Structure formats: structure tokens, C-alpha cells
């Protein structure tokens, strides 16, 4: 009536596999949350640029693409967008 070694081993392997699968699924969620957070930060940076740069006629459109570029790259992203705007 006691547990056999194979049953205990099967449960242990199942728990380890469950942990590994959970860990693998959690990584993309962390990336997605970081991407959204950086997009919000990028939007705020663009808003500040438009407010301050408005005195000199410097502005960038605030949309999801520019917010994510700014959020991912930070200040270099803003500079990149400004260069692209005035070149194209």
C-alpha cells in the first residue's frame, strides 16, 4: 500500500517540468510588461519634448511607434526620431 519509488519519481519529474514550463512562459510576460512600461515612459518623454521644444518649433508626433522607439532607446531614440523627421 505504500508509495513505490517509480510513483514518487514520476511526481518529482512532473513538478520539475511544471516549474520549467512556468518559468519559460513567464519570461515573455516580463518582456511584454517592460515593453509597455518603456512605451509609457517614451510617451512622457515625447510629451515633454513637444512642450519644451514647442518654443523653438521642435515637435514629434506621439503615437505608439514613436513612444516605443523612445521607450526602448531612451534619449538616443528621441534624437533618432528628430533626425529622421528632419531628414525625411
PDB file of N, CA and C in Angstrom:
ATOM      1  N   UNK A   1       0.801  -1.192   0.000  1.00  0.00           N
ATOM      2  CA  UNK A   1       0.000   0.000   0.000  1.00  0.00           C
ATOM      3  C   UNK A   1       0.850   1.265   0.000  1.00  0.00           C
ATOM      4  N   UNK A   2       2.107   1.137   0.256  1.00  0.00           N
ATOM      5  CA  UNK A   2       2.977   2.307   0.275  1.00  0.00           C
ATOM      6  C   UNK A   2       3.294   2.781  -1.133  1.00  0.00           C
ATOM      7  N   UNK A   3       3.808   3.966  -1.197  1.00  0.00           N
ATOM      8  CA  UNK A   3       4.171   4.524  -2.496  1.00  0.00           C
ATOM      9  C   UNK A   3       5.408   3.813  -3.026  1.00  0.00           C
ATOM     10  N   UNK A   4       5.354   3.552  -4.296  1.00  0.00           N
ATOM     11  CA  UNK A   4       6.517   2.948  -4.923  1.00  0.00           C
ATOM     12  C   UNK A   4       7.476   4.053  -5.346  1.00  0.00           C
ATOM     13  N   UNK A   5       8.705   3.681  -5.522  1.00  0.00           N
ATOM     14  CA  UNK A   5       9.729   4.640  -5.914  1.00  0.00           C
ATOM     15  C   UNK A   5       9.421   5.256  -7.279  1.00  0.00           C
ATOM     16  N   UNK A   6       8.865   4.476  -8.200  1.00  0.00           N
ATOM     17  CA  UNK A   6       8.565   4.996  -9.533  1.00  0.00           C
ATOM     18  C   UNK A   6       7.476   6.053  -9.483  1.00  0.00           C
ATOM     19  N   UNK A   7       6.497   5.915  -8.587  1.00  0.00           N
ATOM     20  CA  UNK A   7       5.431   6.913  -8.459  1.00  0.00           C
ATOM     21  C   UNK A   7       6.000   8.215  -7.896  1.00  0.00           C
ATOM     22  N   UNK A   8       6.827   8.107  -6.898  1.00  0.00           N
ATOM     23  CA  UNK A   8       7.444   9.298  -6.299  1.00  0.00           C
ATOM     24  C   UNK A   8       8.334   9.987  -7.322  1.00  0.00           C
ATOM     25  N   UNK A   9       9.093   9.220  -8.065  1.00  0.00           N
ATOM     26  CA  UNK A   9       9.959   9.772  -9.098  1.00  0.00           C
ATOM     27  C   UNK A   9       9.136  10.462 -10.193  1.00  0.00           C
ATOM     28  N   UNK A  10       8.008   9.865 -10.579  1.00  0.00           N
ATOM     29  CA  UNK A  10       7.140  10.462 -11.597  1.00  0.00           C
ATOM     30  C   UNK A  10       6.582  11.801 -11.111  1.00  0.00           C
ATOM     31  N   UNK A  11       6.149  11.871  -9.855  1.00  0.00           N
ATOM     32  CA  UNK A  11       5.659  13.133  -9.307  1.00  0.00           C
ATOM     33  C   UNK A  11       6.762  14.191  -9.265  1.00  0.00           C
ATOM     34  N   UNK A  12       7.959  13.799  -8.887  1.00  0.00           N
ATOM     35  CA  UNK A  12       9.077  14.744  -8.817  1.00  0.00           C
ATOM     36  C   UNK A  12       9.407  15.284 -10.208  1.00  0.00           C
ATOM     37  N   UNK A  13       9.457  14.411 -11.192  1.00  0.00           N
ATOM     38  CA  UNK A  13       9.745  14.853 -12.563  1.00  0.00           C
ATOM     39  C   UNK A  13       8.625  15.750 -13.073  1.00  0.00           C
ATOM     40  N   UNK A  14       7.379  15.421 -12.752  1.00  0.00           N
ATOM     41  CA  UNK A  14       6.244  16.250 -13.148  1.00  0.00           C
ATOM     42  C   UNK A  14       6.312  17.638 -12.541  1.00  0.00           C
ATOM     43  N   UNK A  15       6.680  17.731 -11.277  1.00  0.00           N
ATOM     44  CA  UNK A  15       6.815  19.036 -10.627  1.00  0.00           C
ATOM     45  C   UNK A  15       7.952  19.847 -11.234  1.00  0.00           C
ATOM     46  N   UNK A  16       9.047  19.201 -11.548  1.00  0.00           N
ATOM     47  CA  UNK A  16      10.171  19.902 -12.170  1.00  0.00           C
ATOM     48  C   UNK A  16       9.778  20.414 -13.554  1.00  0.00           C
ATOM     49  N   UNK A  17       9.086  19.585 -14.334  1.00  0.00           N
ATOM     50  CA  UNK A  17       8.633  20.009 -15.662  1.00  0.00           C
ATOM     51  C   UNK A  17       7.635  21.163 -15.563  1.00  0.00           C
ATOM     52  N   UNK A  18       6.742  21.107 -14.591  1.00  0.00           N
ATOM     53  CA  UNK A  18       5.785  22.193 -14.387  1.00  0.00           C
ATOM     54  C   UNK A  18       6.499  23.495 -14.049  1.00  0.00           C
ATOM     55  N   UNK A  19       7.520  23.417 -13.215  1.00  0.00           N
ATOM     56  CA  UNK A  19       8.304  24.596 -12.870  1.00  0.00           C
ATOM     57  C   UNK A  19       9.009  25.166 -14.106  1.00  0.00           C
ATOM     58  N   UNK A  20       9.619  24.307 -14.908  1.00  0.00           N
ATOM     59  CA  UNK A  20      10.348  24.748 -16.097  1.00  0.00           C
ATOM     60  C   UNK A  20       9.399  25.388 -17.107  1.00  0.00           C
ATOM     61  N   UNK A  21       8.252  24.770 -17.347  1.00  0.00           N
ATOM     62  CA  UNK A  21       7.281  25.334 -18.293  1.00  0.00           C
ATOM     63  C   UNK A  21       6.763  26.678 -17.786  1.00  0.00           C
ATOM     64  N   UNK A  22       6.465  26.779 -16.505  1.00  0.00           N
ATOM     65  CA  UNK A  22       6.020  28.052 -15.926  1.00  0.00           C
ATOM     66  C   UNK A  22       7.075  29.134 -16.069  1.00  0.00           C
ATOM     67  N   UNK A  23       8.318  28.777 -15.863  1.00  0.00           N
ATOM     68  CA  UNK A  23       9.413  29.743 -15.986  1.00  0.00           C
ATOM     69  C   UNK A  23       9.554  30.213 -17.430  1.00  0.00           C
ATOM     70  N   UNK A  24       9.443  29.277 -18.372  1.00  0.00           N
ATOM     71  CA  UNK A  24       9.552  29.622 -19.794  1.00  0.00           C
ATOM     72  C   UNK A  24       8.404  30.541 -20.214  1.00  0.00           C
ATOM     73  N   UNK A  25       7.213  30.307 -19.709  1.00  0.00           N
ATOM     74  CA  UNK A  25       6.069  31.148 -20.066  1.00  0.00           C
ATOM     75  C   UNK A  25       6.113  32.509 -19.386  1.00  0.00           C
ATOM     76  N   UNK A  26       6.794  32.617 -18.266  1.00  0.00           N
ATOM     77  CA  UNK A  26       6.850  33.873 -17.530  1.00  0.00           C
ATOM     78  C   UNK A  26       7.796  34.876 -18.174  1.00  0.00           C
ATOM     79  N   UNK A  27       8.831  34.424 -18.840  1.00  0.00           N
ATOM     80  CA  UNK A  27       9.820  35.319 -19.441  1.00  0.00           C
ATOM     81  C   UNK A  27       9.189  36.245 -20.479  1.00  0.00           C
ATOM     82  N   UNK A  28       8.380  35.759 -21.443  1.00  0.00           N
ATOM     83  CA  UNK A  28       7.777  36.675 -22.406  1.00  0.00           C
ATOM     84  C   UNK A  28       6.833  37.700 -21.758  1.00  0.00           C
ATOM     85  N   UNK A  29       6.180  37.315 -20.672  1.00  0.00           N
ATOM     86  CA  UNK A  29       5.295  38.252 -19.985  1.00  0.00           C
ATOM     87  C   UNK A  29       6.117  39.391 -19.392  1.00  0.00           C
ATOM     88  N   UNK A  30       7.274  39.089 -18.846  1.00  0.00           N
ATOM     89  CA  UNK A  30       8.150  40.134 -18.307  1.00  0.00           C
ATOM     90  C   UNK A  30       8.595  41.079 -19.417  1.00  0.00           C
ATOM     91  N   UNK A  31       8.924  40.527 -20.594  1.00  0.00           N
ATOM     92  CA  UNK A  31       9.328  41.375 -21.716  1.00  0.00           C
ATOM     93  C   UNK A  31       8.186  42.267 -22.158  1.00  0.00           C
ATOM     94  N   UNK A  32       6.976  41.722 -22.194  1.00  0.00           N
ATOM     95  CA  UNK A  32       5.808  42.495 -22.616  1.00  0.00           C
ATOM     96  C   UNK A  32       5.521  43.623 -21.631  1.00  0.00           C
ATOM     97  N   UNK A  33       5.594  43.340 -20.344  1.00  0.00           N
ATOM     98  CA  UNK A  33       5.377  44.372 -19.328  1.00  0.00           C
ATOM     99  C   UNK A  33       6.451  45.450 -19.437  1.00  0.00           C
ATOM    100  N   UNK A  34       7.698  45.045 -19.649  1.00  0.00           N
ATOM    101  CA  UNK A  34       8.780  46.017 -19.791  1.00  0.00           C
ATOM    102  C   UNK A  34       8.579  46.867 -21.039  1.00  0.00           C
ATOM    103  N   UNK A  35       8.136  46.261 -22.137  1.00  0.00           N
ATOM    104  CA  UNK A  35       7.889  46.998 -23.369  1.00  0.00           C
ATOM    105  C   UNK A  35       6.774  48.025 -23.180  1.00  0.00           C
ATOM    106  N   UNK A  36       5.698  47.640 -22.499  1.00  0.00           N
ATOM    107  CA  UNK A  36       4.592  48.569 -22.247  1.00  0.00           C
ATOM    108  C   UNK A  36       5.052  49.704 -21.332  1.00  0.00           C
ATOM    109  N   UNK A  37       5.780  49.364 -20.288  1.00  0.00           N
ATOM    110  CA  UNK A  37       6.280  50.384 -19.355  1.00  0.00           C
ATOM    111  C   UNK A  37       7.208  51.365 -20.080  1.00  0.00           C
ATOM    112  N   UNK A  38       8.115  50.851 -20.902  1.00  0.00           N
ATOM    113  CA  UNK A  38       9.019  51.721 -21.653  1.00  0.00           C
ATOM    114  C   UNK A  38       8.250  52.574 -22.649  1.00  0.00           C
ATOM    115  N   UNK A  39       7.184  52.050 -23.214  1.00  0.00           N
ATOM    116  CA  UNK A  39       6.351  52.833 -24.121  1.00  0.00           C
ATOM    117  C   UNK A  39       5.691  54.004 -23.411  1.00  0.00           C
ATOM    118  N   UNK A  40       5.244  53.776 -22.196  1.00  0.00           N
ATOM    119  CA  UNK A  40       4.640  54.861 -21.410  1.00  0.00           C
ATOM    120  C   UNK A  40       5.687  55.919 -21.089  1.00  0.00           C
ATOM    121  N   UNK A  41       6.864  55.488 -20.666  1.00  0.00           N
ATOM    122  CA  UNK A  41       7.958  56.418 -20.381  1.00  0.00           C
ATOM    123  C   UNK A  41       8.319  57.198 -21.645  1.00  0.00           C
ATOM    124  N   UNK A  42       8.377  56.509 -22.788  1.00  0.00           N
ATOM    125  CA  UNK A  42       8.677  57.167 -24.057  1.00  0.00           C
ATOM    126  C   UNK A  42       7.644  58.211 -24.415  1.00  0.00           C
ATOM    127  N   UNK A  43       6.369  57.891 -24.186  1.00  0.00           N
ATOM    128  CA  UNK A  43       5.303  58.861 -24.447  1.00  0.00           C
ATOM    129  C   UNK A  43       5.440  60.094 -23.574  1.00  0.00           C
ATOM    130  N   UNK A  44       5.805  59.910 -22.335  1.00  0.00           N
ATOM    131  CA  UNK A  44       6.007  61.048 -21.430  1.00  0.00           C
ATOM    132  C   UNK A  44       7.192  61.891 -21.898  1.00  0.00           C
ATOM    133  N   UNK A  45       8.273  61.219 -22.329  1.00  0.00           N
ATOM    134  CA  UNK A  45       9.432  61.966 -22.844  1.00  0.00           C
ATOM    135  C   UNK A  45       9.062  62.768 -24.083  1.00  0.00           C
ATOM    136  N   UNK A  46       8.270  62.181 -24.967  1.00  0.00           N
ATOM    137  CA  UNK A  46       7.846  62.902 -26.170  1.00  0.00           C
ATOM    138  C   UNK A  46       6.940  64.066 -25.815  1.00  0.00           C
ATOM    139  N   UNK A  47       6.068  63.874 -24.841  1.00  0.00           N
ATOM    140  CA  UNK A  47       5.195  64.956 -24.399  1.00  0.00           C
ATOM    141  C   UNK A  47       6.017  66.121 -23.859  1.00  0.00           C
ATOM    142  N   UNK A  48       7.033  65.816 -23.057  1.00  0.00           N
ATOM    143  CA  UNK A  48       7.899  66.870 -22.519  1.00  0.00           C
ATOM    144  C   UNK A  48       8.684  67.552 -23.642  1.00  0.00           C
ATOM    145  N   UNK A  49       9.162  66.773 -24.619  1.00  0.00           N
ATOM    146  CA  UNK A  49       9.879  67.355 -25.747  1.00  0.00           C
ATOM    147  C   UNK A  49       8.971  68.294 -26.528  1.00  0.00           C
ATOM    148  N   UNK A  50       7.736  67.877 -26.764  1.00  0.00           N
ATOM    149  CA  UNK A  50       6.806  68.721 -27.509  1.00  0.00           C
ATOM    150  C   UNK A  50       6.468  69.989 -26.738  1.00  0.00           C
ATOM    151  N   UNK A  51       6.357  69.878 -25.429  1.00  0.00           N
ATOM    152  CA  UNK A  51       6.041  71.054 -24.621  1.00  0.00           C
ATOM    153  C   UNK A  51       7.207  72.039 -24.601  1.00  0.00           C
ATOM    154  N   UNK A  52       8.399  71.544 -24.323  1.00  0.00           N
ATOM    155  CA  UNK A  52       9.576  72.420 -24.241  1.00  0.00           C
ATOM    156  C   UNK A  52      10.041  72.836 -25.632  1.00  0.00           C
ATOM    157  N   UNK A  53      10.052  71.891 -26.573  1.00  0.00           N
ATOM    158  CA  UNK A  53      10.512  72.193 -27.924  1.00  0.00           C
ATOM    159  C   UNK A  53       9.546  73.055 -28.718  1.00  0.00           C
ATOM    160  N   UNK A  54       8.313  73.166 -28.250  1.00  0.00           N
ATOM    161  CA  UNK A  54       7.328  73.991 -28.945  1.00  0.00           C
ATOM    162  C   UNK A  54       7.752  75.437 -29.050  1.00  0.00           C
ATOM    163  N   UNK A  55       8.555  75.920 -28.130  1.00  0.00           N
ATOM    164  CA  UNK A  55       9.039  77.301 -28.168  1.00  0.00           C
ATOM    165  C   UNK A  55       9.963  77.530 -29.360  1.00  0.00           C
ATOM    166  N   UNK A  56      10.645  76.481 -29.820  1.00  0.00           N
ATOM    167  CA  UNK A  56      11.574  76.583 -30.936  1.00  0.00           C
ATOM    168  C   UNK A  56      11.059  75.890 -32.202  1.00  0.00           C
ATOM    169  N   UNK A  57       9.835  75.430 -32.166  1.00  0.00           N
ATOM    170  CA  UNK A  57       9.263  74.768 -33.337  1.00  0.00           C
ATOM    171  C   UNK A  57       9.697  73.321 -33.494  1.00  0.00           C
ATOM    172  N   UNK A  58      10.163  72.700 -32.431  1.00  0.00           N
ATOM    173  CA  UNK A  58      10.580  71.297 -32.468  1.00  0.00           C
ATOM    174  C   UNK A  58       9.477  70.456 -31.840  1.00  0.00           C
ATOM    175  N   UNK A  59       8.982  69.510 -32.593  1.00  0.00           N
ATOM    176  CA  UNK A  59       7.951  68.629 -32.069  1.00  0.00           C
ATOM    177  C   UNK A  59       8.002  67.289 -32.789  1.00  0.00           C
ATOM    178  N   UNK A  60       7.490  66.282 -32.129  1.00  0.00           N
ATOM    179  CA  UNK A  60       7.368  64.939 -32.704  1.00  0.00           C
ATOM    180  C   UNK A  60       5.957  64.434 -32.419  1.00  0.00           C
ATOM    181  N   UNK A  61       5.401  63.719 -33.360  1.00  0.00           N
ATOM    182  CA  UNK A  61       4.080  63.131 -33.146  1.00  0.00           C
ATOM    183  C   UNK A  61       4.161  62.065 -32.061  1.00  0.00           C
ATOM    184  N   UNK A  62       3.142  62.012 -31.232  1.00  0.00           N
ATOM    185  CA  UNK A  62       3.093  60.983 -30.193  1.00  0.00           C
ATOM    186  C   UNK A  62       2.127  59.912 -30.674  1.00  0.00           C
ATOM    187  N   UNK A  63       2.671  58.760 -31.003  1.00  0.00           N
ATOM    188  CA  UNK A  63       1.878  57.597 -31.385  1.00  0.00           C
ATOM    189  C   UNK A  63       2.572  56.365 -30.819  1.00  0.00           C
ATOM    190  N   UNK A  64       1.957  55.208 -30.908  1.00  0.00           N
ATOM    191  CA  UNK A  64       2.577  54.019 -30.298  1.00  0.00           C
ATOM    192  C   UNK A  64       3.979  53.714 -30.826  1.00  0.00           C
ATOM    193  N   UNK A  65       4.228  53.949 -32.098  1.00  0.00           N
ATOM    194  CA  UNK A  65       5.547  53.630 -32.666  1.00  0.00           C
ATOM    195  C   UNK A  65       6.618  54.549 -32.086  1.00  0.00           C
ATOM    196  N   UNK A  66       6.360  55.859 -32.087  1.00  0.00           N
ATOM    197  CA  UNK A  66       7.368  56.784 -31.559  1.00  0.00           C
ATOM    198  C   UNK A  66       7.545  56.601 -30.050  1.00  0.00           C
ATOM    199  N   UNK A  67       6.451  56.291 -29.351  1.00  0.00           N
ATOM    200  CA  UNK A  67       6.567  56.072 -27.906  1.00  0.00           C
ATOM    201  C   UNK A  67       7.413  54.838 -27.615  1.00  0.00           C
ATOM    202  N   UNK A  68       7.233  53.759 -28.386  1.00  0.00           N
ATOM    203  CA  UNK A  68       8.019  52.550 -28.142  1.00  0.00           C
ATOM    204  C   UNK A  68       9.478  52.730 -28.539  1.00  0.00           C
ATOM    205  N   UNK A  69       9.735  53.443 -29.626  1.00  0.00           N
ATOM    206  CA  UNK A  69      11.124  53.703 -30.016  1.00  0.00           C
ATOM    207  C   UNK A  69      11.815  54.519 -28.935  1.00  0.00           C
ATOM    208  N   UNK A  70      11.128  55.547 -28.455  1.00  0.00           N
ATOM    209  CA  UNK A  70      11.700  56.371 -27.396  1.00  0.00           C
ATOM    210  C   UNK A  70      11.843  55.569 -26.106  1.00  0.00           C
ATOM    211  N   UNK A  71      10.857  54.735 -25.800  1.00  0.00           N
ATOM    212  CA  UNK A  71      10.926  53.928 -24.587  1.00  0.00           C
ATOM    213  C   UNK A  71      12.037  52.905 -24.633  1.00  0.00           C
ATOM    214  N   UNK A  72      12.257  52.304 -25.789  1.00  0.00           N
ATOM    215  CA  UNK A  72      13.311  51.293 -25.902  1.00  0.00           C
ATOM    216  C   UNK A  72      14.703  51.907 -25.927  1.00  0.00           C
ATOM    217  N   UNK A  73      14.858  53.001 -26.653  1.00  0.00           N
ATOM    218  CA  UNK A  73      16.189  53.573 -26.839  1.00  0.00           C
ATOM    219  C   UNK A  73      16.486  54.747 -25.907  1.00  0.00           C
ATOM    220  N   UNK A  74      15.463  55.312 -25.280  1.00  0.00           N
ATOM    221  CA  UNK A  74      15.669  56.433 -24.378  1.00  0.00           C
ATOM    222  C   UNK A  74      15.965  57.711 -25.142  1.00  0.00           C
ATOM    223  N   UNK A  75      16.874  58.515 -24.602  1.00  0.00           N
ATOM    224  CA  UNK A  75      17.237  59.791 -25.221  1.00  0.00           C
ATOM    225  C   UNK A  75      17.808  59.597 -26.632  1.00  0.00           C
ATOM    226  N   UNK A  76      18.652  58.590 -26.883  1.00  0.00           N
ATOM    227  CA  UNK A  76      19.090  58.375 -28.264  1.00  0.00           C
ATOM    228  C   UNK A  76      17.920  58.098 -29.216  1.00  0.00           C
ATOM    229  N   UNK A  77      16.850  57.499 -28.707  1.00  0.00           N
ATOM    230  CA  UNK A  77      15.672  57.265 -29.525  1.00  0.00           C
ATOM    231  C   UNK A  77      14.996  58.567 -29.929  1.00  0.00           C
ATOM    232  N   UNK A  78      14.944  59.520 -28.998  1.00  0.00           N
ATOM    233  CA  UNK A  78      14.370  60.832 -29.311  1.00  0.00           C
ATOM    234  C   UNK A  78      15.228  61.530 -30.365  1.00  0.00           C
ATOM    235  N   UNK A  79      16.530  61.468 -30.193  1.00  0.00           N
ATOM    236  CA  UNK A  79      17.432  62.098 -31.163  1.00  0.00           C
ATOM    237  C   UNK A  79      17.287  61.431 -32.524  1.00  0.00           C
ATOM    238  N   UNK A  80      17.185  60.100 -32.538  1.00  0.00           N
ATOM    239  CA  UNK A  80      16.984  59.369 -33.784  1.00  0.00           C
ATOM    240  C   UNK A  80      15.688  59.801 -34.476  1.00  0.00           C
ATOM    241  N   UNK A  81      14.619  59.923 -33.720  1.00  0.00           N
ATOM    242  CA  UNK A  81      13.347  60.335 -34.316  1.00  0.00           C
ATOM    243  C   UNK A  81      13.414  61.760 -34.852  1.00  0.00           C
ATOM    244  N   UNK A  82      14.102  62.648 -34.130  1.00  0.00           N
ATOM    245  CA  UNK A  82      14.250  64.020 -34.616  1.00  0.00           C
ATOM    246  C   UNK A  82      15.048  64.059 -35.917  1.00  0.00           C
ATOM    247  N   UNK A  83      16.138  63.293 -35.964  1.00  0.00           N
ATOM    248  CA  UNK A  83      16.966  63.244 -37.177  1.00  0.00           C
ATOM    249  C   UNK A  83      16.149  62.680 -38.332  1.00  0.00           C
ATOM    250  N   UNK A  84      15.417  61.596 -38.087  1.00  0.00           N
ATOM    251  CA  UNK A  84      14.602  61.001 -39.146  1.00  0.00           C
ATOM    252  C   UNK A  84      13.511  61.958 -39.630  1.00  0.00           C
ATOM    253  N   UNK A  85      12.944  62.709 -38.701  1.00  0.00           N
ATOM    254  CA  UNK A  85      11.882  63.637 -39.079  1.00  0.00           C
ATOM    255  C   UNK A  85      12.421  64.729 -39.998  1.00  0.00           C
ATOM    256  N   UNK A  86      13.555  65.273 -39.671  1.00  0.00           N
ATOM    257  CA  UNK A  86      14.071  66.398 -40.431  1.00  0.00           C
ATOM    258  C   UNK A  86      14.847  65.973 -41.687  1.00  0.00           C
ATOM    259  N   UNK A  87      15.229  64.689 -41.785  1.00  0.00           N
ATOM    260  CA  UNK A  87      15.869  64.198 -42.992  1.00  0.00           C
ATOM    261  C   UNK A  87      14.810  63.786 -44.016  1.00  0.00           C
ATOM    262  N   UNK A  88      13.794  63.108 -43.544  1.00  0.00           N
ATOM    263  CA  UNK A  88      12.766  62.581 -44.464  1.00  0.00           C
ATOM    264  C   UNK A  88      11.738  63.596 -44.730  1.00  0.00           C
TER     265      UNK A  88
END
